[in-house]
Each structure stands twice: as C-alpha cells, then as structure tokens.
Amino acid sequence: MNPLQVIKVIHTAVWAFFVACIAAIPVLAWRHAWSAAAVVTGVVFVEVLVIVANRWRCPLTPLAARYTDDRRDNFDIYLPEWLARHNKTVFGALYFAGIVFTAVLWAASRR
C-alpha cells in the first residue's frame, strides 16, 4: 500500500470507531448503563476537541494532502463523497441527539 492508502485506511478505521461510539450512546442509555454512556460520550467529546483544535479538520487530513493533489471531500478517507462532505453535520446531530436522549432517560430514572 502507498502512504495515502495507509492514511485512508487509518482515517476510515478511526471514523468507524467514533461512529460506533456515537451509535452506542443511546443504546447504553436505553439499557440504563449510565457510566458506560458517560464514558463513550466523553471519548467522542475528546475527538470533538481535537477536531476543533485542528480548525475543524481531522489531523490526518494534512498528512494525506502530502501524497495527492486531490482535494475532494473524501480524498483522505474511504467514504462516499457526500458523506465525507456532511460528516460533521450528520454525526454531530446524532451525537447531540444521543446526549439529549441520554439526559432525558437519566432524569426520568432519577424520579
């Protein structure tokens, strides 16, 4: 594999890990696994901080840019271009919804 392919594989695996974390939040809340939901929420929050600190880009993007002139939205990851373009919006909304869902269930369980 060439360096760009290696970066794309790593980037895609990291992305899949965080998508799994985002998907797990409401599932864990539904199961009343509050501590696990909090940990997963925190793990994703750390990734949000990394993205914000890197001017809303993955730190792997500039590395991938060294190996290609392509600048399509998915040049650095194995995702469909439309999903790479809207990734932060789609998964940011799901993350936020998962947090709200968890908070509502947790508050209801405290009554």
N, C-alpha and C. Protein backbone atom coordinates (compact mmCIF):
# COMPACT_ATOMS: atom_id res chain seq x y z
N MET A 1 0.84 -1.19 0.00
CA MET A 1 0.00 0.00 0.00
C MET A 1 0.88 1.24 0.00
N ASN A 2 0.43 2.24 -0.71
CA ASN A 2 1.16 3.51 -0.70
C ASN A 2 0.76 4.32 0.54
N PRO A 3 1.51 5.36 0.89
CA PRO A 3 1.22 6.13 2.12
C PRO A 3 -0.19 6.70 2.17
N LEU A 4 -0.72 7.18 1.05
CA LEU A 4 -2.07 7.72 1.04
C LEU A 4 -3.09 6.64 1.40
N GLN A 5 -2.92 5.46 0.86
CA GLN A 5 -3.84 4.37 1.18
C GLN A 5 -3.77 4.00 2.66
N VAL A 6 -2.58 3.99 3.21
CA VAL A 6 -2.42 3.69 4.64
C VAL A 6 -3.16 4.73 5.48
N ILE A 7 -2.97 6.00 5.15
CA ILE A 7 -3.65 7.08 5.88
C ILE A 7 -5.16 6.94 5.74
N LYS A 8 -5.63 6.65 4.53
CA LYS A 8 -7.08 6.50 4.32
C LYS A 8 -7.64 5.33 5.13
N VAL A 9 -6.92 4.23 5.20
CA VAL A 9 -7.37 3.07 5.99
C VAL A 9 -7.44 3.45 7.47
N ILE A 10 -6.39 4.08 7.97
CA ILE A 10 -6.36 4.50 9.38
C ILE A 10 -7.49 5.49 9.65
N HIS A 11 -7.64 6.48 8.78
CA HIS A 11 -8.68 7.50 8.96
C HIS A 11 -10.06 6.86 8.96
N THR A 12 -10.29 5.93 8.07
CA THR A 12 -11.59 5.26 7.99
C THR A 12 -11.84 4.42 9.24
N ALA A 13 -10.82 3.75 9.75
CA ALA A 13 -10.97 2.94 10.97
C ALA A 13 -11.26 3.83 12.17
N VAL A 14 -10.57 4.95 12.28
CA VAL A 14 -10.83 5.89 13.38
C VAL A 14 -12.24 6.44 13.27
N TRP A 15 -12.64 6.81 12.07
CA TRP A 15 -14.00 7.31 11.83
C TRP A 15 -15.03 6.26 12.25
N ALA A 16 -14.84 5.01 11.86
CA ALA A 16 -15.77 3.94 12.21
C ALA A 16 -15.85 3.75 13.72
N PHE A 17 -14.72 3.85 14.40
CA PHE A 17 -14.71 3.75 15.86
C PHE A 17 -15.59 4.83 16.47
N PHE A 18 -15.44 6.07 16.03
CA PHE A 18 -16.22 7.16 16.61
C PHE A 18 -17.69 7.08 16.22
N VAL A 19 -17.99 6.61 15.04
CA VAL A 19 -19.39 6.40 14.65
C VAL A 19 -20.01 5.33 15.55
N ALA A 20 -19.26 4.27 15.82
CA ALA A 20 -19.75 3.22 16.73
C ALA A 20 -19.99 3.80 18.13
N CYS A 21 -19.10 4.65 18.58
CA CYS A 21 -19.29 5.30 19.89
C CYS A 21 -20.55 6.15 19.90
N ILE A 22 -20.75 6.93 18.85
CA ILE A 22 -21.95 7.77 18.77
C ILE A 22 -23.21 6.92 18.76
N ALA A 23 -23.19 5.82 18.02
CA ALA A 23 -24.34 4.92 17.97
C ALA A 23 -24.58 4.24 19.31
N ALA A 24 -23.51 4.00 20.06
CA ALA A 24 -23.63 3.30 21.34
C ALA A 24 -24.27 4.15 22.42
N ILE A 25 -24.17 5.45 22.33
CA ILE A 25 -24.66 6.33 23.40
C ILE A 25 -26.14 6.09 23.70
N PRO A 26 -27.05 6.18 22.74
CA PRO A 26 -28.46 5.95 23.08
C PRO A 26 -28.74 4.50 23.46
N VAL A 27 -27.99 3.57 22.89
CA VAL A 27 -28.19 2.15 23.25
C VAL A 27 -27.82 1.94 24.71
N LEU A 28 -26.71 2.48 25.13
CA LEU A 28 -26.29 2.36 26.52
C LEU A 28 -27.27 3.05 27.45
N ALA A 29 -27.78 4.20 27.02
CA ALA A 29 -28.77 4.90 27.83
C ALA A 29 -30.05 4.08 27.95
N TRP A 30 -30.49 3.48 26.87
CA TRP A 30 -31.69 2.66 26.88
C TRP A 30 -31.55 1.50 27.87
N ARG A 31 -30.32 1.00 27.97
CA ARG A 31 -30.04 -0.11 28.89
C ARG A 31 -29.72 0.39 30.31
N HIS A 32 -29.80 1.69 30.51
CA HIS A 32 -29.50 2.34 31.79
C HIS A 32 -28.06 2.09 32.24
N ALA A 33 -27.18 1.98 31.28
CA ALA A 33 -25.75 1.84 31.55
C ALA A 33 -25.15 3.24 31.57
N TRP A 34 -25.48 3.98 32.62
CA TRP A 34 -25.15 5.41 32.67
C TRP A 34 -23.65 5.67 32.64
N SER A 35 -22.90 4.90 33.39
CA SER A 35 -21.44 5.11 33.42
C SER A 35 -20.82 4.86 32.04
N ALA A 36 -21.23 3.79 31.40
CA ALA A 36 -20.70 3.49 30.07
C ALA A 36 -21.10 4.57 29.07
N ALA A 37 -22.34 5.03 29.16
CA ALA A 37 -22.79 6.10 28.25
C ALA A 37 -21.98 7.37 28.48
N ALA A 38 -21.67 7.67 29.73
CA ALA A 38 -20.87 8.86 30.04
C ALA A 38 -19.45 8.71 29.49
N VAL A 39 -18.87 7.53 29.64
CA VAL A 39 -17.50 7.31 29.14
C VAL A 39 -17.46 7.47 27.62
N VAL A 40 -18.40 6.84 26.93
CA VAL A 40 -18.43 6.92 25.46
C VAL A 40 -18.68 8.35 25.01
N THR A 41 -19.57 9.05 25.70
CA THR A 41 -19.82 10.46 25.39
C THR A 41 -18.54 11.27 25.55
N GLY A 42 -17.80 11.00 26.61
CA GLY A 42 -16.54 11.70 26.84
C GLY A 42 -15.48 11.39 25.80
N VAL A 43 -15.42 10.14 25.38
CA VAL A 43 -14.46 9.75 24.34
C VAL A 43 -14.73 10.53 23.06
N VAL A 44 -15.99 10.61 22.68
CA VAL A 44 -16.34 11.37 21.47
C VAL A 44 -16.07 12.86 21.68
N PHE A 45 -16.32 13.36 22.88
CA PHE A 45 -16.07 14.77 23.16
C PHE A 45 -14.58 15.11 22.99
N VAL A 46 -13.71 14.21 23.40
CA VAL A 46 -12.27 14.43 23.20
C VAL A 46 -11.97 14.55 21.70
N GLU A 47 -12.61 13.71 20.89
CA GLU A 47 -12.42 13.80 19.44
C GLU A 47 -12.94 15.14 18.91
N VAL A 48 -14.06 15.61 19.44
CA VAL A 48 -14.58 16.92 19.04
C VAL A 48 -13.55 18.00 19.36
N LEU A 49 -12.95 17.93 20.54
CA LEU A 49 -11.92 18.91 20.90
C LEU A 49 -10.73 18.85 19.94
N VAL A 50 -10.33 17.65 19.55
CA VAL A 50 -9.22 17.50 18.59
C VAL A 50 -9.58 18.15 17.26
N ILE A 51 -10.80 17.90 16.80
CA ILE A 51 -11.25 18.49 15.53
C ILE A 51 -11.29 20.02 15.63
N VAL A 52 -11.84 20.54 16.71
CA VAL A 52 -11.91 21.99 16.90
C VAL A 52 -10.50 22.59 16.94
N ALA A 53 -9.60 21.94 17.67
CA ALA A 53 -8.22 22.44 17.78
C ALA A 53 -7.49 22.42 16.45
N ASN A 54 -7.95 21.59 15.52
CA ASN A 54 -7.33 21.49 14.19
C ASN A 54 -8.14 22.22 13.13
N ARG A 55 -8.81 23.29 13.55
CA ARG A 55 -9.60 24.12 12.64
C ARG A 55 -10.65 23.32 11.87
N TRP A 56 -11.38 22.48 12.61
CA TRP A 56 -12.49 21.70 12.09
C TRP A 56 -12.07 20.66 11.05
N ARG A 57 -10.82 20.21 11.16
CA ARG A 57 -10.34 19.15 10.26
C ARG A 57 -9.71 18.04 11.08
N CYS A 58 -9.76 16.86 10.55
CA CYS A 58 -9.06 15.73 11.16
C CYS A 58 -7.57 15.97 11.03
N PRO A 59 -6.78 15.65 12.06
CA PRO A 59 -5.33 15.83 11.95
C PRO A 59 -4.69 14.95 10.87
N LEU A 60 -5.39 13.95 10.40
CA LEU A 60 -4.85 13.11 9.33
C LEU A 60 -4.98 13.76 7.95
N THR A 61 -5.86 14.73 7.82
CA THR A 61 -6.09 15.37 6.52
C THR A 61 -4.83 16.01 5.95
N PRO A 62 -4.10 16.82 6.73
CA PRO A 62 -2.87 17.40 6.16
C PRO A 62 -1.82 16.35 5.81
N LEU A 63 -1.80 15.26 6.57
CA LEU A 63 -0.87 14.18 6.22
C LEU A 63 -1.22 13.57 4.87
N ALA A 64 -2.51 13.31 4.67
CA ALA A 64 -2.94 12.75 3.38
C ALA A 64 -2.68 13.72 2.24
N ALA A 65 -2.83 15.00 2.51
CA ALA A 65 -2.64 16.02 1.47
C ALA A 65 -1.22 16.03 0.92
N ARG A 66 -0.27 15.54 1.69
CA ARG A 66 1.11 15.47 1.21
C ARG A 66 1.28 14.51 0.04
N TYR A 67 0.35 13.57 -0.10
CA TYR A 67 0.52 12.49 -1.07
C TYR A 67 -0.42 12.57 -2.27
N THR A 68 -1.19 13.65 -2.37
CA THR A 68 -2.09 13.80 -3.51
C THR A 68 -2.45 15.26 -3.71
N ASP A 69 -2.80 15.59 -4.95
CA ASP A 69 -3.32 16.93 -5.25
C ASP A 69 -4.84 16.95 -5.18
N ASP A 70 -5.45 15.79 -5.05
CA ASP A 70 -6.90 15.66 -4.96
C ASP A 70 -7.39 16.35 -3.69
N ARG A 71 -8.42 17.15 -3.79
CA ARG A 71 -8.99 17.81 -2.62
C ARG A 71 -10.50 17.61 -2.53
N ARG A 72 -10.98 16.53 -3.15
CA ARG A 72 -12.39 16.22 -2.96
C ARG A 72 -12.63 15.96 -1.48
N ASP A 73 -13.87 16.01 -1.06
CA ASP A 73 -14.20 15.85 0.36
C ASP A 73 -13.76 14.51 0.93
N ASN A 74 -13.60 13.51 0.09
CA ASN A 74 -13.21 12.18 0.56
C ASN A 74 -11.81 11.77 0.12
N PHE A 75 -10.94 12.73 -0.19
CA PHE A 75 -9.60 12.36 -0.67
C PHE A 75 -8.78 11.66 0.40
N ASP A 76 -9.15 11.84 1.67
CA ASP A 76 -8.34 11.31 2.77
C ASP A 76 -9.01 10.19 3.57
N ILE A 77 -10.15 9.69 3.06
CA ILE A 77 -10.91 8.68 3.79
C ILE A 77 -11.73 7.85 2.81
N TYR A 78 -11.97 6.59 3.17
CA TYR A 78 -12.78 5.73 2.31
C TYR A 78 -14.26 5.86 2.69
N LEU A 79 -14.85 6.97 2.30
CA LEU A 79 -16.28 7.23 2.48
C LEU A 79 -16.82 7.78 1.16
N PRO A 80 -18.12 7.61 0.93
CA PRO A 80 -18.70 8.29 -0.23
C PRO A 80 -18.50 9.81 -0.08
N GLU A 81 -18.33 10.48 -1.18
CA GLU A 81 -18.04 11.92 -1.12
C GLU A 81 -19.12 12.70 -0.39
N TRP A 82 -20.39 12.37 -0.62
CA TRP A 82 -21.49 13.11 0.04
C TRP A 82 -21.41 12.93 1.56
N LEU A 83 -21.04 11.74 2.02
CA LEU A 83 -20.96 11.51 3.47
C LEU A 83 -19.74 12.23 4.05
N ALA A 84 -18.63 12.18 3.36
CA ALA A 84 -17.45 12.91 3.82
C ALA A 84 -17.74 14.41 3.89
N ARG A 85 -18.50 14.92 2.94
CA ARG A 85 -18.84 16.35 2.90
C ARG A 85 -19.71 16.74 4.08
N HIS A 86 -20.66 15.87 4.46
CA HIS A 86 -21.63 16.21 5.50
C HIS A 86 -21.38 15.47 6.82
N ASN A 87 -20.23 14.88 6.94
CA ASN A 87 -19.88 14.05 8.09
C ASN A 87 -20.10 14.75 9.43
N LYS A 88 -19.55 15.94 9.59
CA LYS A 88 -19.67 16.64 10.87
C LYS A 88 -21.11 17.01 11.18
N THR A 89 -21.87 17.39 10.17
CA THR A 89 -23.27 17.75 10.38
C THR A 89 -24.10 16.53 10.78
N VAL A 90 -23.96 15.46 10.02
CA VAL A 90 -24.75 14.24 10.28
C VAL A 90 -24.41 13.66 11.65
N PHE A 91 -23.13 13.41 11.89
CA PHE A 91 -22.76 12.73 13.13
C PHE A 91 -22.73 13.67 14.32
N GLY A 92 -22.55 14.97 14.07
CA GLY A 92 -22.71 15.95 15.16
C GLY A 92 -24.14 15.97 15.65
N ALA A 93 -25.09 15.94 14.73
CA ALA A 93 -26.51 15.93 15.11
C ALA A 93 -26.86 14.64 15.85
N LEU A 94 -26.34 13.51 15.38
CA LEU A 94 -26.60 12.23 16.06
C LEU A 94 -25.97 12.21 17.44
N TYR A 95 -24.79 12.76 17.57
CA TYR A 95 -24.12 12.84 18.87
C TYR A 95 -24.94 13.69 19.84
N PHE A 96 -25.35 14.85 19.39
CA PHE A 96 -26.16 15.74 20.22
C PHE A 96 -27.48 15.08 20.60
N ALA A 97 -28.14 14.44 19.63
CA ALA A 97 -29.40 13.75 19.92
C ALA A 97 -29.19 12.62 20.93
N GLY A 98 -28.09 11.90 20.81
CA GLY A 98 -27.79 10.84 21.76
C GLY A 98 -27.58 11.37 23.17
N ILE A 99 -26.93 12.51 23.28
CA ILE A 99 -26.72 13.14 24.59
C ILE A 99 -28.05 13.58 25.18
N VAL A 100 -28.89 14.21 24.37
CA VAL A 100 -30.20 14.65 24.86
C VAL A 100 -31.04 13.45 25.29
N PHE A 101 -31.06 12.42 24.46
CA PHE A 101 -31.81 11.20 24.77
C PHE A 101 -31.32 10.60 26.09
N THR A 102 -30.02 10.54 26.27
CA THR A 102 -29.44 10.01 27.49
C THR A 102 -29.83 10.86 28.69
N ALA A 103 -29.75 12.16 28.55
CA ALA A 103 -30.10 13.07 29.66
C ALA A 103 -31.56 12.92 30.05
N VAL A 104 -32.44 12.81 29.06
CA VAL A 104 -33.87 12.67 29.34
C VAL A 104 -34.13 11.35 30.07
N LEU A 105 -33.56 10.25 29.56
CA LEU A 105 -33.76 8.96 30.23
C LEU A 105 -33.16 8.96 31.63
N TRP A 106 -32.00 9.54 31.78
CA TRP A 106 -31.36 9.57 33.09
C TRP A 106 -32.21 10.37 34.08
N ALA A 107 -32.69 11.53 33.64
CA ALA A 107 -33.53 12.35 34.52
C ALA A 107 -34.81 11.61 34.91
N ALA A 108 -35.41 10.91 33.95
CA ALA A 108 -36.62 10.16 34.23
C ALA A 108 -36.34 9.01 35.19
N SER A 109 -35.18 8.41 35.12
CA SER A 109 -34.85 7.29 36.01
C SER A 109 -34.57 7.77 37.43
N ARG A 110 -34.29 9.05 37.60
CA ARG A 110 -33.97 9.61 38.92
C ARG A 110 -35.22 9.95 39.72
N ARG A 111 -36.39 9.94 39.08
CA ARG A 111 -37.64 10.30 39.77
C ARG A 111 -38.12 9.19 40.63
